[in-house]
N, C-alpha and C. Protein backbone atom coordinates (compact mmCIF):
# COMPACT_ATOMS: atom_id res chain seq x y z
N UNK A 1 -143.21 49.80 -23.62
CA UNK A 1 -141.81 49.60 -23.82
C UNK A 1 -141.59 48.58 -24.89
N UNK A 2 -140.56 48.91 -25.66
CA UNK A 2 -140.34 47.96 -26.73
C UNK A 2 -139.87 46.63 -26.16
N UNK A 3 -140.10 45.60 -26.96
CA UNK A 3 -139.80 44.24 -26.50
C UNK A 3 -138.32 43.99 -26.36
N UNK A 4 -137.52 44.60 -27.21
CA UNK A 4 -136.13 44.24 -27.16
C UNK A 4 -135.40 44.95 -26.04
N UNK A 5 -136.02 45.91 -25.43
CA UNK A 5 -135.37 46.54 -24.30
C UNK A 5 -135.92 45.88 -23.05
N UNK A 6 -135.10 45.41 -22.22
CA UNK A 6 -135.54 44.72 -21.02
C UNK A 6 -135.03 45.47 -19.82
N UNK A 7 -135.78 45.42 -18.89
CA UNK A 7 -135.41 46.05 -17.64
C UNK A 7 -134.51 45.10 -16.86
N UNK A 8 -133.66 45.68 -16.05
CA UNK A 8 -132.78 44.83 -15.28
C UNK A 8 -133.56 43.87 -14.40
N UNK A 9 -134.70 44.21 -14.00
CA UNK A 9 -135.46 43.33 -13.14
C UNK A 9 -136.08 42.18 -13.92
N UNK A 10 -136.16 42.34 -15.27
CA UNK A 10 -136.75 41.29 -16.10
C UNK A 10 -135.77 40.16 -16.41
N UNK A 11 -134.56 40.33 -16.14
CA UNK A 11 -133.57 39.31 -16.51
C UNK A 11 -133.63 38.13 -15.56
N UNK A 12 -133.43 36.97 -16.15
CA UNK A 12 -133.41 35.77 -15.34
C UNK A 12 -132.08 35.69 -14.62
N UNK A 13 -132.11 35.17 -13.51
CA UNK A 13 -130.88 34.99 -12.76
C UNK A 13 -130.78 33.53 -12.33
N UNK A 14 -129.58 33.06 -12.09
CA UNK A 14 -129.38 31.69 -11.65
C UNK A 14 -128.42 30.95 -12.57
N UNK A 15 -128.20 29.70 -12.20
CA UNK A 15 -127.23 28.90 -12.96
C UNK A 15 -127.76 28.58 -14.33
N UNK A 16 -126.92 28.79 -15.36
CA UNK A 16 -127.27 28.45 -16.74
C UNK A 16 -128.14 29.48 -17.43
N UNK A 17 -128.50 30.56 -16.74
CA UNK A 17 -129.32 31.56 -17.39
C UNK A 17 -128.47 32.34 -18.34
N UNK A 18 -129.01 32.68 -19.40
CA UNK A 18 -128.31 33.45 -20.40
C UNK A 18 -127.60 32.60 -21.41
N UNK A 19 -127.52 31.35 -21.18
CA UNK A 19 -126.84 30.46 -22.11
C UNK A 19 -127.66 30.30 -23.37
N UNK A 20 -129.01 30.18 -23.17
CA UNK A 20 -129.86 30.05 -24.33
C UNK A 20 -129.79 31.29 -25.21
N UNK A 21 -129.81 32.42 -24.53
CA UNK A 21 -129.75 33.67 -25.28
C UNK A 21 -128.47 33.78 -26.06
N UNK A 22 -127.42 33.43 -25.45
CA UNK A 22 -126.13 33.54 -26.12
C UNK A 22 -126.08 32.63 -27.33
N UNK A 23 -126.59 31.43 -27.20
CA UNK A 23 -126.59 30.50 -28.32
C UNK A 23 -127.51 30.99 -29.43
N UNK A 24 -128.64 31.58 -29.06
CA UNK A 24 -129.55 32.09 -30.08
C UNK A 24 -128.93 33.25 -30.83
N UNK A 25 -128.20 34.12 -30.17
CA UNK A 25 -127.55 35.23 -30.84
C UNK A 25 -126.50 34.75 -31.82
N UNK A 26 -125.82 33.72 -31.47
CA UNK A 26 -124.75 33.23 -32.35
C UNK A 26 -125.32 32.57 -33.59
N UNK A 27 -126.48 32.03 -33.46
CA UNK A 27 -127.06 31.35 -34.60
C UNK A 27 -127.61 32.38 -35.56
N UNK A 28 -127.16 32.32 -36.74
CA UNK A 28 -127.66 33.24 -37.76
C UNK A 28 -128.60 32.47 -38.66
N UNK A 29 -129.50 33.14 -39.40
CA UNK A 29 -130.49 32.44 -40.18
C UNK A 29 -129.89 31.53 -41.25
N UNK A 30 -128.80 31.87 -41.92
CA UNK A 30 -128.26 31.02 -42.99
C UNK A 30 -127.24 30.02 -42.49
N UNK A 31 -127.05 30.04 -41.20
CA UNK A 31 -125.99 29.21 -40.63
C UNK A 31 -126.60 27.94 -40.05
N UNK A 32 -126.95 27.07 -40.83
CA UNK A 32 -127.50 25.79 -40.41
C UNK A 32 -126.35 24.80 -40.30
N UNK A 33 -126.52 23.80 -39.50
CA UNK A 33 -125.47 22.80 -39.35
C UNK A 33 -125.31 22.03 -40.65
N UNK A 34 -124.04 21.85 -41.02
CA UNK A 34 -123.70 21.10 -42.22
C UNK A 34 -123.78 19.60 -41.89
N UNK A 35 -124.28 18.82 -42.82
CA UNK A 35 -124.24 17.38 -42.54
C UNK A 35 -122.80 16.91 -42.55
N UNK A 36 -122.54 15.89 -41.78
CA UNK A 36 -121.16 15.37 -41.70
C UNK A 36 -120.74 14.87 -43.06
N UNK A 37 -119.41 14.91 -43.28
CA UNK A 37 -118.88 14.48 -44.58
C UNK A 37 -119.27 13.03 -44.82
N UNK A 38 -119.53 12.76 -46.07
CA UNK A 38 -119.94 11.42 -46.43
C UNK A 38 -118.79 10.45 -46.16
N UNK A 39 -119.11 9.36 -45.55
CA UNK A 39 -118.10 8.35 -45.23
C UNK A 39 -117.77 7.61 -46.51
N UNK A 40 -116.47 7.57 -46.81
CA UNK A 40 -116.03 6.86 -47.99
C UNK A 40 -115.99 5.38 -47.66
N UNK A 41 -116.72 4.64 -48.36
CA UNK A 41 -116.75 3.20 -48.11
C UNK A 41 -115.60 2.54 -48.84
N UNK A 42 -114.90 1.65 -48.11
CA UNK A 42 -113.81 0.93 -48.73
C UNK A 42 -114.38 -0.23 -49.52
N UNK A 43 -113.74 -0.50 -50.64
CA UNK A 43 -114.29 -1.60 -51.43
C UNK A 43 -114.13 -2.91 -50.65
N UNK A 44 -115.08 -3.75 -50.78
CA UNK A 44 -115.03 -5.04 -50.12
C UNK A 44 -113.92 -5.88 -50.74
N UNK A 45 -113.35 -6.79 -49.90
CA UNK A 45 -112.30 -7.66 -50.42
C UNK A 45 -112.86 -8.48 -51.57
N UNK A 46 -112.19 -8.31 -52.66
CA UNK A 46 -112.62 -9.06 -53.81
C UNK A 46 -111.95 -10.42 -53.79
N UNK A 47 -112.61 -11.41 -54.24
CA UNK A 47 -112.02 -12.73 -54.33
C UNK A 47 -110.95 -12.69 -55.41
N UNK A 48 -109.81 -13.41 -55.16
CA UNK A 48 -108.76 -13.39 -56.17
C UNK A 48 -109.29 -13.99 -57.48
N UNK A 49 -108.79 -13.40 -58.52
CA UNK A 49 -109.23 -13.88 -59.82
C UNK A 49 -108.53 -15.20 -60.15
N UNK A 50 -108.97 -15.82 -61.16
CA UNK A 50 -108.41 -17.11 -61.57
C UNK A 50 -106.95 -16.97 -61.96
N UNK A 51 -106.59 -15.86 -62.57
CA UNK A 51 -105.21 -15.62 -62.99
C UNK A 51 -104.31 -15.50 -61.76
N UNK A 52 -104.80 -14.77 -60.73
CA UNK A 52 -104.00 -14.63 -59.52
C UNK A 52 -103.81 -15.98 -58.83
N UNK A 53 -104.85 -16.80 -58.82
CA UNK A 53 -104.73 -18.13 -58.25
C UNK A 53 -103.70 -18.97 -59.00
N UNK A 54 -103.70 -18.86 -60.31
CA UNK A 54 -102.73 -19.60 -61.11
C UNK A 54 -101.31 -19.12 -60.83
N UNK A 55 -101.13 -17.80 -60.68
CA UNK A 55 -99.80 -17.27 -60.36
C UNK A 55 -99.33 -17.77 -58.99
N UNK A 56 -100.24 -17.79 -58.03
CA UNK A 56 -99.88 -18.29 -56.69
C UNK A 56 -99.49 -19.77 -56.76
N UNK A 57 -100.26 -20.56 -57.51
CA UNK A 57 -99.94 -21.97 -57.66
C UNK A 57 -98.60 -22.15 -58.37
N UNK A 58 -98.34 -21.30 -59.36
CA UNK A 58 -97.07 -21.38 -60.09
C UNK A 58 -95.89 -21.04 -59.17
N UNK A 59 -96.06 -20.01 -58.32
CA UNK A 59 -95.00 -19.65 -57.37
C UNK A 59 -94.73 -20.79 -56.39
N UNK A 60 -95.80 -21.41 -55.90
CA UNK A 60 -95.64 -22.53 -54.96
C UNK A 60 -94.94 -23.70 -55.64
N UNK A 61 -95.31 -23.97 -56.89
CA UNK A 61 -94.66 -25.06 -57.63
C UNK A 61 -93.19 -24.76 -57.86
N UNK A 62 -92.87 -23.49 -58.15
CA UNK A 62 -91.46 -23.11 -58.36
C UNK A 62 -90.65 -23.32 -57.08
N UNK A 63 -91.24 -22.99 -55.93
CA UNK A 63 -90.54 -23.19 -54.66
C UNK A 63 -90.32 -24.68 -54.39
N UNK A 64 -91.35 -25.49 -54.66
CA UNK A 64 -91.19 -26.94 -54.48
C UNK A 64 -90.11 -27.49 -55.40
N UNK A 65 -90.09 -27.00 -56.64
CA UNK A 65 -89.10 -27.47 -57.60
C UNK A 65 -87.69 -27.10 -57.14
N UNK A 66 -87.52 -25.87 -56.62
CA UNK A 66 -86.20 -25.46 -56.13
C UNK A 66 -85.78 -26.34 -54.95
N UNK A 67 -86.72 -26.65 -54.07
CA UNK A 67 -86.39 -27.53 -52.94
C UNK A 67 -86.00 -28.92 -53.41
N UNK A 68 -86.73 -29.45 -54.39
CA UNK A 68 -86.40 -30.77 -54.92
C UNK A 68 -85.05 -30.77 -55.62
N UNK A 69 -84.74 -29.69 -56.32
CA UNK A 69 -83.43 -29.59 -56.98
C UNK A 69 -82.30 -29.62 -55.95
N UNK A 70 -82.51 -28.92 -54.82
CA UNK A 70 -81.49 -28.94 -53.76
C UNK A 70 -81.33 -30.34 -53.20
N UNK A 71 -82.44 -31.05 -53.00
CA UNK A 71 -82.38 -32.40 -52.46
C UNK A 71 -81.65 -33.32 -53.44
N UNK A 72 -81.97 -33.18 -54.73
CA UNK A 72 -81.32 -34.03 -55.74
C UNK A 72 -79.82 -33.74 -55.79
N UNK A 73 -79.44 -32.45 -55.73
CA UNK A 73 -78.01 -32.09 -55.76
C UNK A 73 -77.29 -32.68 -54.54
N UNK A 74 -77.93 -32.60 -53.37
CA UNK A 74 -77.32 -33.17 -52.16
C UNK A 74 -77.20 -34.69 -52.28
N UNK A 75 -78.22 -35.31 -52.85
CA UNK A 75 -78.20 -36.76 -53.05
C UNK A 75 -77.06 -37.16 -53.99
N UNK A 76 -76.86 -36.38 -55.04
CA UNK A 76 -75.77 -36.68 -55.98
C UNK A 76 -74.42 -36.55 -55.31
N UNK A 77 -74.28 -35.53 -54.46
CA UNK A 77 -73.02 -35.36 -53.72
C UNK A 77 -72.77 -36.56 -52.81
N UNK A 78 -73.83 -36.99 -52.12
CA UNK A 78 -73.69 -38.14 -51.22
C UNK A 78 -73.34 -39.41 -51.99
N UNK A 79 -73.94 -39.58 -53.17
CA UNK A 79 -73.62 -40.76 -53.97
C UNK A 79 -72.16 -40.72 -54.42
N UNK A 80 -71.69 -39.54 -54.84
CA UNK A 80 -70.29 -39.42 -55.26
C UNK A 80 -69.36 -39.71 -54.08
N UNK A 81 -69.74 -39.22 -52.89
CA UNK A 81 -68.92 -39.48 -51.69
C UNK A 81 -68.91 -40.97 -51.36
N UNK A 82 -70.07 -41.62 -51.52
CA UNK A 82 -70.15 -43.06 -51.25
C UNK A 82 -69.26 -43.84 -52.21
N UNK A 83 -69.24 -43.44 -53.48
CA UNK A 83 -68.38 -44.11 -54.45
C UNK A 83 -66.92 -43.93 -54.07
N UNK A 84 -66.55 -42.69 -53.69
CA UNK A 84 -65.16 -42.44 -53.26
C UNK A 84 -64.79 -43.29 -52.05
N UNK A 85 -65.71 -43.39 -51.09
CA UNK A 85 -65.43 -44.19 -49.89
C UNK A 85 -65.31 -45.67 -50.22
N UNK A 86 -66.15 -46.15 -51.15
CA UNK A 86 -66.05 -47.55 -51.54
C UNK A 86 -64.71 -47.84 -52.20
N UNK A 87 -64.24 -46.90 -53.04
CA UNK A 87 -62.93 -47.09 -53.68
C UNK A 87 -61.81 -47.06 -52.64
N UNK A 88 -61.90 -46.13 -51.70
CA UNK A 88 -60.88 -46.05 -50.65
C UNK A 88 -60.89 -47.32 -49.79
N UNK A 89 -62.10 -47.83 -49.52
CA UNK A 89 -62.21 -49.06 -48.75
C UNK A 89 -61.60 -50.25 -49.49
N UNK A 90 -61.82 -50.30 -50.80
CA UNK A 90 -61.24 -51.39 -51.60
C UNK A 90 -59.71 -51.32 -51.55
N UNK A 91 -59.16 -50.11 -51.62
CA UNK A 91 -57.71 -49.94 -51.55
C UNK A 91 -57.20 -50.40 -50.18
N UNK A 92 -57.90 -49.97 -49.12
CA UNK A 92 -57.49 -50.36 -47.76
C UNK A 92 -57.58 -51.87 -47.56
N UNK A 93 -58.61 -52.49 -48.11
CA UNK A 93 -58.74 -53.93 -47.98
C UNK A 93 -57.60 -54.66 -48.68
N UNK A 94 -57.22 -54.17 -49.86
CA UNK A 94 -56.10 -54.82 -50.56
C UNK A 94 -54.80 -54.64 -49.77
N UNK A 95 -54.60 -53.44 -49.18
CA UNK A 95 -53.41 -53.22 -48.35
C UNK A 95 -53.44 -54.12 -47.13
N UNK A 96 -54.62 -54.25 -46.52
CA UNK A 96 -54.75 -55.10 -45.34
C UNK A 96 -54.48 -56.56 -45.68
N UNK A 97 -54.98 -57.01 -46.80
CA UNK A 97 -54.72 -58.40 -47.22
C UNK A 97 -53.22 -58.63 -47.46
N UNK A 98 -52.59 -57.61 -48.05
CA UNK A 98 -51.15 -57.72 -48.28
C UNK A 98 -50.39 -57.79 -46.95
N UNK A 99 -50.79 -56.95 -46.00
CA UNK A 99 -50.15 -56.96 -44.68
C UNK A 99 -50.41 -58.28 -43.95
N UNK A 100 -51.62 -58.81 -44.09
CA UNK A 100 -51.92 -60.10 -43.48
C UNK A 100 -51.01 -61.19 -44.04
N UNK A 101 -50.82 -61.15 -45.36
CA UNK A 101 -49.94 -62.13 -45.99
C UNK A 101 -48.52 -62.02 -45.46
N UNK A 102 -48.02 -60.77 -45.34
CA UNK A 102 -46.67 -60.57 -44.81
C UNK A 102 -46.57 -61.02 -43.35
N UNK A 103 -47.60 -60.73 -42.58
CA UNK A 103 -47.61 -61.13 -41.18
C UNK A 103 -47.63 -62.65 -41.05
N UNK A 104 -48.45 -63.27 -41.85
CA UNK A 104 -48.52 -64.73 -41.81
C UNK A 104 -47.19 -65.35 -42.21
N UNK A 105 -46.55 -64.75 -43.21
CA UNK A 105 -45.25 -65.25 -43.65
C UNK A 105 -44.21 -65.10 -42.55
N UNK A 106 -44.28 -64.00 -41.79
CA UNK A 106 -43.32 -63.76 -40.73
C UNK A 106 -43.58 -64.64 -39.51
N UNK A 107 -44.84 -64.96 -39.26
CA UNK A 107 -45.16 -65.68 -38.03
C UNK A 107 -45.11 -67.20 -38.18
N UNK A 108 -45.12 -67.71 -39.36
CA UNK A 108 -45.05 -69.18 -39.48
C UNK A 108 -43.58 -69.59 -39.70
N UNK A 109 -43.26 -70.80 -39.31
CA UNK A 109 -41.87 -71.26 -39.48
C UNK A 109 -41.48 -71.30 -40.96
N UNK A 110 -40.26 -70.90 -41.20
CA UNK A 110 -39.74 -70.93 -42.58
C UNK A 110 -39.28 -72.36 -42.91
N UNK A 111 -39.07 -72.59 -44.18
CA UNK A 111 -38.60 -73.92 -44.60
C UNK A 111 -37.26 -74.23 -43.95
N UNK A 112 -37.17 -75.39 -43.37
CA UNK A 112 -35.96 -75.91 -42.75
C UNK A 112 -35.43 -75.00 -41.64
N UNK A 113 -36.35 -74.31 -40.96
CA UNK A 113 -35.96 -73.46 -39.84
C UNK A 113 -36.14 -74.26 -38.55
N UNK A 114 -35.15 -74.20 -37.69
CA UNK A 114 -35.24 -74.95 -36.43
C UNK A 114 -36.28 -74.28 -35.51
N UNK A 115 -36.78 -75.06 -34.62
CA UNK A 115 -37.77 -74.55 -33.68
C UNK A 115 -37.17 -73.46 -32.80
N UNK A 116 -35.90 -73.65 -32.40
CA UNK A 116 -35.24 -72.64 -31.57
C UNK A 116 -35.10 -71.31 -32.32
N UNK A 117 -34.71 -71.37 -33.58
CA UNK A 117 -34.57 -70.14 -34.36
C UNK A 117 -35.93 -69.47 -34.55
N UNK A 118 -36.96 -70.26 -34.77
CA UNK A 118 -38.32 -69.72 -34.92
C UNK A 118 -38.76 -69.02 -33.63
N UNK A 119 -38.50 -69.67 -32.49
CA UNK A 119 -38.87 -69.07 -31.21
C UNK A 119 -38.11 -67.77 -30.96
N UNK A 120 -36.81 -67.76 -31.33
CA UNK A 120 -36.04 -66.52 -31.17
C UNK A 120 -36.61 -65.39 -32.03
N UNK A 121 -36.97 -65.74 -33.23
CA UNK A 121 -37.54 -64.73 -34.14
C UNK A 121 -38.86 -64.18 -33.57
N UNK A 122 -39.69 -65.08 -33.04
CA UNK A 122 -40.94 -64.63 -32.44
C UNK A 122 -40.69 -63.78 -31.20
N UNK A 123 -39.68 -64.17 -30.42
CA UNK A 123 -39.35 -63.39 -29.22
C UNK A 123 -38.88 -61.99 -29.61
N UNK A 124 -38.14 -61.88 -30.70
CA UNK A 124 -37.70 -60.56 -31.16
C UNK A 124 -38.89 -59.71 -31.63
N UNK A 125 -39.84 -60.35 -32.30
CA UNK A 125 -41.02 -59.61 -32.76
C UNK A 125 -41.90 -59.16 -31.60
N UNK A 126 -41.90 -59.93 -30.53
CA UNK A 126 -42.78 -59.63 -29.40
C UNK A 126 -41.96 -59.29 -28.16
N UNK A 127 -40.88 -58.59 -28.36
CA UNK A 127 -40.00 -58.24 -27.25
C UNK A 127 -40.73 -57.39 -26.21
N UNK A 128 -41.64 -56.53 -26.65
CA UNK A 128 -42.36 -55.69 -25.70
C UNK A 128 -43.25 -56.53 -24.77
N UNK A 129 -43.85 -57.59 -25.31
CA UNK A 129 -44.67 -58.48 -24.48
C UNK A 129 -43.81 -59.25 -23.47
N UNK A 130 -42.65 -59.68 -23.94
CA UNK A 130 -41.74 -60.42 -23.05
C UNK A 130 -41.24 -59.51 -21.94
N UNK A 131 -40.89 -58.30 -22.31
CA UNK A 131 -40.43 -57.35 -21.31
C UNK A 131 -41.54 -57.06 -20.31
N UNK A 132 -42.78 -56.93 -20.78
CA UNK A 132 -43.91 -56.68 -19.89
C UNK A 132 -44.09 -57.84 -18.91
N UNK A 133 -43.89 -59.06 -19.40
CA UNK A 133 -44.00 -60.23 -18.52
C UNK A 133 -42.92 -60.19 -17.43
N UNK A 134 -41.68 -59.83 -17.83
CA UNK A 134 -40.62 -59.71 -16.84
C UNK A 134 -40.95 -58.59 -15.86
N UNK A 135 -41.47 -57.50 -16.36
CA UNK A 135 -41.80 -56.36 -15.51
C UNK A 135 -42.90 -56.74 -14.51
N UNK A 136 -43.88 -57.50 -14.97
CA UNK A 136 -44.93 -57.96 -14.07
C UNK A 136 -44.36 -58.90 -13.01
N UNK A 137 -43.45 -59.77 -13.43
CA UNK A 137 -42.85 -60.72 -12.48
C UNK A 137 -41.97 -59.98 -11.47
N UNK A 138 -41.31 -58.92 -11.92
CA UNK A 138 -40.45 -58.16 -11.01
C UNK A 138 -41.25 -57.39 -9.97
N UNK A 139 -42.54 -57.20 -10.22
CA UNK A 139 -43.40 -56.50 -9.25
C UNK A 139 -44.53 -57.42 -8.77
N UNK A 140 -44.28 -58.74 -8.77
CA UNK A 140 -45.31 -59.72 -8.45
C UNK A 140 -45.77 -59.61 -7.00
N UNK A 141 -47.06 -59.88 -6.81
CA UNK A 141 -47.68 -59.91 -5.49
C UNK A 141 -48.41 -61.25 -5.34
N UNK A 142 -48.51 -61.68 -4.12
CA UNK A 142 -49.28 -62.90 -3.85
C UNK A 142 -50.77 -62.53 -3.89
N UNK A 143 -51.61 -63.56 -3.81
CA UNK A 143 -53.05 -63.33 -3.87
C UNK A 143 -53.56 -62.53 -2.67
N UNK A 144 -52.81 -62.56 -1.56
CA UNK A 144 -53.23 -61.80 -0.39
C UNK A 144 -52.71 -60.36 -0.42
N UNK A 145 -51.95 -60.00 -1.47
CA UNK A 145 -51.44 -58.64 -1.63
C UNK A 145 -50.03 -58.43 -1.12
N UNK A 146 -49.44 -59.45 -0.53
CA UNK A 146 -48.07 -59.30 -0.03
C UNK A 146 -47.07 -59.52 -1.18
N UNK A 147 -45.86 -59.04 -0.99
CA UNK A 147 -44.82 -59.11 -2.01
C UNK A 147 -44.38 -60.56 -2.17
N UNK A 148 -44.29 -60.99 -3.46
CA UNK A 148 -43.81 -62.35 -3.76
C UNK A 148 -42.32 -62.24 -4.11
N UNK A 149 -41.50 -62.25 -3.07
CA UNK A 149 -40.05 -62.04 -3.25
C UNK A 149 -39.41 -63.14 -4.07
N UNK A 150 -39.83 -64.38 -3.85
CA UNK A 150 -39.22 -65.51 -4.57
C UNK A 150 -39.44 -65.36 -6.08
N UNK A 151 -40.66 -65.04 -6.49
CA UNK A 151 -40.95 -64.88 -7.92
C UNK A 151 -40.20 -63.68 -8.49
N UNK A 152 -40.11 -62.61 -7.71
CA UNK A 152 -39.38 -61.43 -8.17
C UNK A 152 -37.90 -61.75 -8.38
N UNK A 153 -37.33 -62.49 -7.44
CA UNK A 153 -35.91 -62.84 -7.53
C UNK A 153 -35.66 -63.75 -8.74
N UNK A 154 -36.51 -64.73 -8.95
CA UNK A 154 -36.35 -65.62 -10.11
C UNK A 154 -36.51 -64.85 -11.42
N UNK A 155 -37.43 -63.89 -11.46
CA UNK A 155 -37.61 -63.09 -12.66
C UNK A 155 -36.37 -62.26 -12.94
N UNK A 156 -35.80 -61.67 -11.90
CA UNK A 156 -34.59 -60.87 -12.07
C UNK A 156 -33.43 -61.74 -12.55
N UNK A 157 -33.29 -62.94 -11.97
CA UNK A 157 -32.21 -63.85 -12.40
C UNK A 157 -32.39 -64.25 -13.86
N UNK A 158 -33.62 -64.63 -14.21
CA UNK A 158 -33.87 -65.05 -15.60
C UNK A 158 -33.58 -63.92 -16.56
N UNK A 159 -33.98 -62.71 -16.19
CA UNK A 159 -33.75 -61.56 -17.07
C UNK A 159 -32.25 -61.32 -17.24
N UNK A 160 -31.49 -61.40 -16.16
CA UNK A 160 -30.05 -61.19 -16.24
C UNK A 160 -29.37 -62.30 -17.04
N UNK A 161 -29.81 -63.53 -16.89
CA UNK A 161 -29.22 -64.65 -17.65
C UNK A 161 -29.48 -64.44 -19.14
N UNK A 162 -30.68 -63.99 -19.47
CA UNK A 162 -30.99 -63.77 -20.89
C UNK A 162 -30.23 -62.56 -21.43
N UNK A 163 -30.07 -61.52 -20.62
CA UNK A 163 -29.37 -60.32 -21.09
C UNK A 163 -27.86 -60.53 -21.15
N UNK A 164 -27.30 -61.29 -20.22
CA UNK A 164 -25.85 -61.52 -20.16
C UNK A 164 -25.59 -63.03 -20.11
N UNK A 165 -25.76 -63.76 -21.21
CA UNK A 165 -25.60 -65.23 -21.16
C UNK A 165 -24.18 -65.66 -20.83
N UNK A 166 -23.19 -64.84 -21.15
CA UNK A 166 -21.81 -65.24 -20.88
C UNK A 166 -21.51 -65.26 -19.39
N UNK A 167 -22.26 -64.51 -18.59
CA UNK A 167 -22.00 -64.50 -17.15
C UNK A 167 -22.91 -65.46 -16.38
N UNK A 168 -23.69 -66.23 -17.11
CA UNK A 168 -24.61 -67.16 -16.44
C UNK A 168 -23.83 -68.31 -15.83
N UNK A 169 -24.25 -68.78 -14.68
CA UNK A 169 -23.57 -69.93 -14.07
C UNK A 169 -23.84 -71.16 -14.93
N UNK A 170 -22.96 -72.15 -14.84
CA UNK A 170 -23.17 -73.36 -15.65
C UNK A 170 -24.48 -74.03 -15.26
N UNK A 171 -25.04 -74.71 -16.25
CA UNK A 171 -26.33 -75.38 -16.05
C UNK A 171 -26.19 -76.40 -14.92
N UNK A 172 -27.11 -76.41 -14.07
CA UNK A 172 -27.15 -77.39 -12.99
C UNK A 172 -28.59 -77.80 -12.78
N UNK A 173 -28.75 -78.83 -12.09
CA UNK A 173 -30.10 -79.32 -11.85
C UNK A 173 -30.82 -78.36 -10.90
N UNK A 174 -32.07 -78.09 -11.22
CA UNK A 174 -32.86 -77.16 -10.40
C UNK A 174 -33.45 -77.91 -9.21
N UNK A 175 -33.49 -77.21 -8.12
CA UNK A 175 -34.16 -77.77 -6.95
C UNK A 175 -35.66 -77.72 -7.20
N UNK A 176 -36.43 -78.52 -6.48
CA UNK A 176 -37.88 -78.47 -6.67
C UNK A 176 -38.46 -77.07 -6.43
N UNK A 177 -37.88 -76.32 -5.51
CA UNK A 177 -38.36 -74.97 -5.24
C UNK A 177 -38.09 -74.06 -6.43
N UNK A 178 -36.89 -74.17 -7.02
CA UNK A 178 -36.55 -73.36 -8.19
C UNK A 178 -37.43 -73.75 -9.38
N UNK A 179 -37.67 -75.04 -9.53
CA UNK A 179 -38.51 -75.50 -10.63
C UNK A 179 -39.93 -74.95 -10.47
N UNK A 180 -40.44 -74.93 -9.23
CA UNK A 180 -41.79 -74.41 -8.97
C UNK A 180 -41.85 -72.92 -9.30
N UNK A 181 -40.78 -72.18 -8.94
CA UNK A 181 -40.75 -70.74 -9.22
C UNK A 181 -40.74 -70.49 -10.73
N UNK A 182 -39.94 -71.30 -11.46
CA UNK A 182 -39.93 -71.14 -12.92
C UNK A 182 -41.28 -71.47 -13.53
N UNK A 183 -41.92 -72.51 -13.00
CA UNK A 183 -43.24 -72.88 -13.50
C UNK A 183 -44.25 -71.77 -13.22
N UNK A 184 -44.13 -71.19 -12.04
CA UNK A 184 -45.04 -70.09 -11.69
C UNK A 184 -44.80 -68.88 -12.60
N UNK A 185 -43.54 -68.60 -12.88
CA UNK A 185 -43.20 -67.51 -13.79
C UNK A 185 -43.74 -67.79 -15.19
N UNK A 186 -43.61 -69.01 -15.63
CA UNK A 186 -44.14 -69.39 -16.94
C UNK A 186 -45.66 -69.24 -16.97
N UNK A 187 -46.31 -69.64 -15.88
CA UNK A 187 -47.77 -69.49 -15.79
C UNK A 187 -48.18 -68.04 -15.83
N UNK A 188 -47.44 -67.18 -15.14
CA UNK A 188 -47.73 -65.74 -15.14
C UNK A 188 -47.57 -65.16 -16.54
N UNK A 189 -46.50 -65.60 -17.22
CA UNK A 189 -46.29 -65.14 -18.60
C UNK A 189 -47.44 -65.58 -19.51
N UNK A 190 -47.86 -66.82 -19.35
CA UNK A 190 -48.94 -67.35 -20.19
C UNK A 190 -50.24 -66.59 -19.93
N UNK A 191 -50.55 -66.33 -18.66
CA UNK A 191 -51.77 -65.56 -18.35
C UNK A 191 -51.70 -64.16 -18.91
N UNK A 192 -50.54 -63.56 -18.80
CA UNK A 192 -50.36 -62.19 -19.32
C UNK A 192 -50.53 -62.17 -20.82
N UNK A 193 -49.97 -63.17 -21.50
CA UNK A 193 -50.07 -63.25 -22.97
C UNK A 193 -51.51 -63.45 -23.39
N UNK A 194 -52.22 -64.36 -22.71
CA UNK A 194 -53.64 -64.61 -23.06
C UNK A 194 -54.48 -63.37 -22.82
N UNK A 195 -54.19 -62.63 -21.76
CA UNK A 195 -54.95 -61.41 -21.47
C UNK A 195 -54.77 -60.34 -22.52
N UNK A 196 -53.59 -60.22 -23.09
CA UNK A 196 -53.33 -59.19 -24.10
C UNK A 196 -53.83 -59.59 -25.47
N UNK A 197 -53.87 -60.87 -25.76
CA UNK A 197 -54.34 -61.29 -27.09
C UNK A 197 -55.84 -61.44 -27.13
N UNK A 198 -56.49 -61.46 -25.98
CA UNK A 198 -57.96 -61.62 -25.95
C UNK A 198 -58.65 -60.33 -26.37
């Protein structure tokens, strides 16, 4: 019997049988495996040339120069602002000196001015302080927190006498109690004045 004809009993049986035969049939004589495509090698990183280094240094220098220019421009603006502020301060100081002179002129006694007229003028300038003193006296309390009726009454009388002098009773000698109340009122006014000017 020829070799290429096989009897059914000659065939191998079992797992994987026939696989070799099938692979051999598929393989043809001119069909050899091709070698894999040649791997293209990437060029290695080249070191930057001297020209590229110079360009990089030039770019960095240009950035530093731009930053310095911005700083110089900001500095010039600040200097101009400082000059403007110094001029404004000089103007304010001259105005303040002028106002101080006017205030000093108003607060010192004028030539041949009586003491009573000077006191009246000062009282008019500081009417709000005087009113505050009367207001404090009208709501006076003792050190223990109770109402000081005597001081309140004297403050109200004094305020009315000053506001309506034509209706004031004729001058008479004060009793020691009235004198003490007036002294206490004067002391309260003095403390109030010192507290506000401090």
